[in-house]
Amino acid sequence: MEKKAYAFVFAGFFITDKEPQEIFREDVSAEDMEQIEKLVKEKLFKPEVDVALAPSIVPPNQANELLQEFGNVIFGRGEIDA
């Protein structure tokens, strides 16, 4: 079977008092990215899957609902009462 590429989202958020452009490290090397890709591949996918990552910031106006839902889960407002 022919391999096909599929996009996936690894969603999260960061908390800071700085502008988004100011928080990412500028010294991340190609080797660093390869290590991150390897970790994601090993921990999330089966062995026959290849992974490529490109970090970016999603503009808030495009991600507000996702951030709200994610924040509710992280900070306990999205938990199901047992």
Protein backbone atom coordinates (compact mmCIF):
# COMPACT_ATOMS: atom_id res chain seq x y z
CA MET A 1 0.00 0.00 0.00
CA GLU A 2 1.24 3.49 -0.86
CA LYS A 3 2.18 5.77 2.05
CA LYS A 4 0.17 8.99 2.40
CA ALA A 5 0.77 12.05 4.55
CA TYR A 6 -1.89 13.08 7.08
CA ALA A 7 -1.82 16.23 9.18
CA PHE A 8 -2.30 15.88 12.93
CA VAL A 9 -2.49 18.38 15.74
CA PHE A 10 -0.58 18.10 18.97
CA ALA A 11 -2.47 20.80 20.86
CA GLY A 12 -1.34 22.58 23.97
CA PHE A 13 -0.82 26.02 25.32
CA PHE A 14 1.81 28.00 27.19
CA ILE A 15 1.35 30.60 29.89
CA THR A 16 3.55 33.67 29.91
CA ASP A 17 3.50 37.38 30.54
CA LYS A 18 5.55 37.95 27.36
CA GLU A 19 4.58 38.27 23.72
CA PRO A 20 4.48 34.91 21.85
CA GLN A 21 7.35 35.98 19.59
CA GLU A 22 9.58 36.38 22.67
CA ILE A 23 9.19 32.95 24.28
CA PHE A 24 10.57 30.43 21.80
CA ARG A 25 14.21 29.48 21.98
CA GLU A 26 16.24 30.67 19.02
CA ASP A 27 18.97 28.07 19.41
CA VAL A 28 16.93 24.94 18.56
CA SER A 29 19.01 22.92 16.13
CA ALA A 30 18.00 20.46 13.44
CA GLU A 31 19.28 17.73 15.76
CA ASP A 32 17.00 19.00 18.55
CA MET A 33 14.01 18.81 16.22
CA GLU A 34 15.00 15.30 15.15
CA GLN A 35 15.06 14.23 18.82
CA ILE A 36 11.61 15.74 19.40
CA GLU A 37 10.25 14.02 16.28
CA LYS A 38 11.76 10.71 17.41
CA LEU A 39 10.16 11.02 20.85
CA VAL A 40 6.74 11.86 19.39
CA LYS A 41 7.05 9.00 16.90
CA GLU A 42 8.06 6.45 19.55
CA LYS A 43 5.49 7.49 22.16
CA LEU A 44 2.42 8.26 20.02
CA PHE A 45 2.61 6.17 16.86
CA LYS A 46 3.21 2.60 15.79
CA PRO A 47 6.69 1.76 14.40
CA GLU A 48 5.76 1.88 10.70
CA VAL A 49 4.71 5.57 10.89
CA ASP A 50 7.04 8.42 9.91
CA VAL A 51 6.63 11.82 11.62
CA ALA A 52 7.63 15.35 10.62
CA LEU A 53 7.04 18.33 12.90
CA ALA A 54 7.03 22.09 12.34
CA PRO A 55 6.35 24.12 15.50
CA SER A 56 4.20 27.21 15.14
CA ILE A 57 1.93 29.47 17.13
CA VAL A 58 -1.77 29.39 16.28
CA PRO A 59 -3.30 32.88 16.32
CA PRO A 60 -5.77 33.17 19.22
CA ASN A 61 -8.66 34.11 16.96
CA GLN A 62 -8.23 30.74 15.22
CA ALA A 63 -7.85 28.68 18.39
CA ASN A 64 -10.05 30.25 21.09
CA GLU A 65 -12.51 27.35 21.34
CA LEU A 66 -9.74 24.74 21.49
CA LEU A 67 -7.87 26.73 24.13
CA GLN A 68 -11.04 27.13 26.21
CA GLU A 69 -11.80 23.39 26.11
CA PHE A 70 -8.18 22.48 26.82
CA GLY A 71 -7.98 24.96 29.69
CA ASN A 72 -11.18 23.57 31.20
CA VAL A 73 -9.71 20.07 31.23
CA ILE A 74 -6.29 21.17 32.54
CA PHE A 75 -7.68 23.37 35.29
CA GLY A 76 -10.45 20.96 36.33
CA ARG A 77 -13.54 22.66 34.94
CA GLY A 78 -13.91 20.01 32.24
CA GLU A 79 -13.74 16.96 34.46
CA ILE A 80 -16.67 14.58 34.62
CA ASP A 81 -18.07 14.18 38.14
CA ALA A 82 -17.85 10.55 39.32
